[in-house]
């Protein structure tokens, strides 16, 4: 039951991620409060949120050239988000509370 409640809390947190504009670029800040980086399932859920945010900030039109641009954008944004997560994984002490966020932005010019 506790695991189910935690899964609901994580899903609710994912739904509150909002796209904002920072320095003229669409950005999503992913709060990691409530996640335990020592738990593989939590890390997988964070990675899913990173990919979802990358897809949201990289939405731009239709057509073949725009599609290819979008694919490159998503890859770049996911890579950046994964790098931010890896830095947190390297610094986080298991069992300690996590007060961090990851910012996913449309890749700069």
C-alpha atoms as a PDB file:
ATOM      1  CA  UNK A   1       0.000   0.000   0.000  1.00  0.00           C
ATOM      2  CA  UNK A   2       2.813   2.418   0.835  1.00  0.00           C
ATOM      3  CA  UNK A   3       4.401   1.737  -2.546  1.00  0.00           C
ATOM      4  CA  UNK A   4       1.091   2.503  -4.280  1.00  0.00           C
ATOM      5  CA  UNK A   5       0.806   5.809  -2.420  1.00  0.00           C
ATOM      6  CA  UNK A   6       4.342   6.718  -3.389  1.00  0.00           C
ATOM      7  CA  UNK A   7       3.620   5.893  -7.033  1.00  0.00           C
ATOM      8  CA  UNK A   8       0.551   8.136  -6.924  1.00  0.00           C
ATOM      9  CA  UNK A   9       2.586  10.962  -5.381  1.00  0.00           C
ATOM     10  CA  UNK A  10       5.256  10.613  -8.081  1.00  0.00           C
ATOM     11  CA  UNK A  11       2.612  10.651 -10.804  1.00  0.00           C
ATOM     12  CA  UNK A  12       1.009  13.744  -9.294  1.00  0.00           C
ATOM     13  CA  UNK A  13       4.392  15.481  -9.178  1.00  0.00           C
ATOM     14  CA  UNK A  14       4.945  14.692 -12.855  1.00  0.00           C
ATOM     15  CA  UNK A  15       1.615  16.245 -13.732  1.00  0.00           C
ATOM     16  CA  UNK A  16       2.567  19.544 -12.072  1.00  0.00           C
ATOM     17  CA  UNK A  17       5.633  20.107 -14.285  1.00  0.00           C
ATOM     18  CA  UNK A  18       4.872  23.277 -16.183  1.00  0.00           C
ATOM     19  CA  UNK A  19       6.549  24.654 -19.278  1.00  0.00           C
ATOM     20  CA  UNK A  20       7.809  28.199 -18.743  1.00  0.00           C
ATOM     21  CA  UNK A  21      10.000  30.526 -20.807  1.00  0.00           C
ATOM     22  CA  UNK A  22      13.517  31.245 -19.532  1.00  0.00           C
ATOM     23  CA  UNK A  23      15.798  33.479 -21.603  1.00  0.00           C
ATOM     24  CA  UNK A  24      13.374  33.128 -24.501  1.00  0.00           C
ATOM     25  CA  UNK A  25      13.505  29.303 -24.462  1.00  0.00           C
ATOM     26  CA  UNK A  26      10.785  26.881 -23.341  1.00  0.00           C
ATOM     27  CA  UNK A  27      11.894  25.224 -20.096  1.00  0.00           C
ATOM     28  CA  UNK A  28      10.489  22.633 -17.696  1.00  0.00           C
ATOM     29  CA  UNK A  29      11.771  22.459 -14.118  1.00  0.00           C
ATOM     30  CA  UNK A  30      11.436  18.936 -12.710  1.00  0.00           C
ATOM     31  CA  UNK A  31      11.298  18.879  -8.924  1.00  0.00           C
ATOM     32  CA  UNK A  32      12.898  15.757  -7.520  1.00  0.00           C
ATOM     33  CA  UNK A  33      11.418  16.166  -4.043  1.00  0.00           C
ATOM     34  CA  UNK A  34      10.082  12.855  -2.814  1.00  0.00           C
ATOM     35  CA  UNK A  35      12.374  10.737  -4.953  1.00  0.00           C
ATOM     36  CA  UNK A  36      15.074   8.466  -3.551  1.00  0.00           C
ATOM     37  CA  UNK A  37      18.047   8.308  -5.912  1.00  0.00           C
ATOM     38  CA  UNK A  38      19.077   5.074  -4.219  1.00  0.00           C
ATOM     39  CA  UNK A  39      15.984   3.368  -5.655  1.00  0.00           C
ATOM     40  CA  UNK A  40      16.265   2.153  -9.258  1.00  0.00           C
ATOM     41  CA  UNK A  41      12.533   2.629  -9.840  1.00  0.00           C
ATOM     42  CA  UNK A  42      12.725   6.278  -8.756  1.00  0.00           C
ATOM     43  CA  UNK A  43      15.669   6.888 -11.103  1.00  0.00           C
ATOM     44  CA  UNK A  44      13.709   5.261 -13.964  1.00  0.00           C
ATOM     45  CA  UNK A  45      10.720   7.491 -13.192  1.00  0.00           C
ATOM     46  CA  UNK A  46      12.929  10.603 -13.219  1.00  0.00           C
ATOM     47  CA  UNK A  47      14.348   9.559 -16.592  1.00  0.00           C
ATOM     48  CA  UNK A  48      10.806   9.166 -17.939  1.00  0.00           C
ATOM     49  CA  UNK A  49       9.998  12.678 -16.724  1.00  0.00           C
ATOM     50  CA  UNK A  50      13.164  13.997 -18.409  1.00  0.00           C
ATOM     51  CA  UNK A  51      12.104  12.451 -21.730  1.00  0.00           C
ATOM     52  CA  UNK A  52       8.560  13.747 -21.387  1.00  0.00           C
ATOM     53  CA  UNK A  53       9.822  17.261 -20.640  1.00  0.00           C
ATOM     54  CA  UNK A  54      12.240  17.108 -23.597  1.00  0.00           C
ATOM     55  CA  UNK A  55       9.353  16.181 -25.893  1.00  0.00           C
ATOM     56  CA  UNK A  56       7.326  19.123 -24.578  1.00  0.00           C
ATOM     57  CA  UNK A  57      10.035  21.769 -24.988  1.00  0.00           C
ATOM     58  CA  UNK A  58      10.932  20.539 -28.481  1.00  0.00           C
ATOM     59  CA  UNK A  59       7.473  20.743 -30.082  1.00  0.00           C
ATOM     60  CA  UNK A  60       7.781  22.812 -33.268  1.00  0.00           C
ATOM     61  CA  UNK A  61       5.546  22.477 -36.307  1.00  0.00           C
ATOM     62  CA  UNK A  62       5.329  19.620 -38.805  1.00  0.00           C
ATOM     63  CA  UNK A  63       7.110  18.347 -41.878  1.00  0.00           C
ATOM     64  CA  UNK A  64      10.234  16.296 -42.571  1.00  0.00           C
ATOM     65  CA  UNK A  65      12.851  18.976 -41.845  1.00  0.00           C
ATOM     66  CA  UNK A  66      11.037  20.063 -38.684  1.00  0.00           C
ATOM     67  CA  UNK A  67      10.747  16.419 -37.618  1.00  0.00           C
ATOM     68  CA  UNK A  68      14.494  15.920 -37.986  1.00  0.00           C
ATOM     69  CA  UNK A  69      15.119  19.141 -36.070  1.00  0.00           C
ATOM     70  CA  UNK A  70      12.761  17.958 -33.329  1.00  0.00           C
ATOM     71  CA  UNK A  71      14.503  14.575 -33.040  1.00  0.00           C
ATOM     72  CA  UNK A  72      17.865  16.331 -32.627  1.00  0.00           C
ATOM     73  CA  UNK A  73      16.324  18.722 -30.090  1.00  0.00           C
ATOM     74  CA  UNK A  74      14.851  15.895 -27.991  1.00  0.00           C
ATOM     75  CA  UNK A  75      18.146  13.979 -28.039  1.00  0.00           C
ATOM     76  CA  UNK A  76      20.053  17.057 -26.923  1.00  0.00           C
ATOM     77  CA  UNK A  77      17.566  17.937 -24.179  1.00  0.00           C
ATOM     78  CA  UNK A  78      17.482  14.342 -22.873  1.00  0.00           C
ATOM     79  CA  UNK A  79      21.281  14.163 -22.879  1.00  0.00           C
ATOM     80  CA  UNK A  80      21.466  17.396 -20.889  1.00  0.00           C
ATOM     81  CA  UNK A  81      18.815  16.182 -18.412  1.00  0.00           C
ATOM     82  CA  UNK A  82      20.573  12.825 -17.993  1.00  0.00           C
ATOM     83  CA  UNK A  83      23.862  14.638 -17.317  1.00  0.00           C
ATOM     84  CA  UNK A  84      22.184  16.728 -14.620  1.00  0.00           C
ATOM     85  CA  UNK A  85      20.732  13.551 -13.077  1.00  0.00           C
ATOM     86  CA  UNK A  86      24.112  11.790 -13.189  1.00  0.00           C
ATOM     87  CA  UNK A  87      25.713  14.704 -11.298  1.00  0.00           C
ATOM     88  CA  UNK A  88      23.025  14.396  -8.636  1.00  0.00           C
ATOM     89  CA  UNK A  89      23.497  10.624  -8.453  1.00  0.00           C
ATOM     90  CA  UNK A  90      27.225  11.153  -7.857  1.00  0.00           C
ATOM     91  CA  UNK A  91      26.655  13.623  -5.006  1.00  0.00           C
ATOM     92  CA  UNK A  92      23.567  12.196  -3.306  1.00  0.00           C
ATOM     93  CA  UNK A  93      23.937  10.221  -0.092  1.00  0.00           C
ATOM     94  CA  UNK A  94      21.421   7.355   0.130  1.00  0.00           C
ATOM     95  CA  UNK A  95      18.801   7.923   2.775  1.00  0.00           C
ATOM     96  CA  UNK A  96      19.214  11.694   2.836  1.00  0.00           C
ATOM     97  CA  UNK A  97      16.362  13.898   1.657  1.00  0.00           C
ATOM     98  CA  UNK A  98      16.567  15.168  -1.894  1.00  0.00           C
ATOM     99  CA  UNK A  99      15.906  18.854  -2.536  1.00  0.00           C
ATOM    100  CA  UNK A 100      16.908  19.328  -6.146  1.00  0.00           C
ATOM    101  CA  UNK A 101      15.487  19.955  -9.572  1.00  0.00           C
ATOM    102  CA  UNK A 102      16.470  19.366 -13.164  1.00  0.00           C
ATOM    103  CA  UNK A 103      15.846  21.974 -15.860  1.00  0.00           C
ATOM    104  CA  UNK A 104      15.002  20.790 -19.352  1.00  0.00           C
ATOM    105  CA  UNK A 105      15.212  23.514 -21.996  1.00  0.00           C
ATOM    106  CA  UNK A 106      15.020  23.849 -25.748  1.00  0.00           C
ATOM    107  CA  UNK A 107      18.708  23.641 -26.761  1.00  0.00           C
ATOM    108  CA  UNK A 108      20.229  27.127 -27.082  1.00  0.00           C
ATOM    109  CA  UNK A 109      21.230  28.783 -30.292  1.00  0.00           C
END
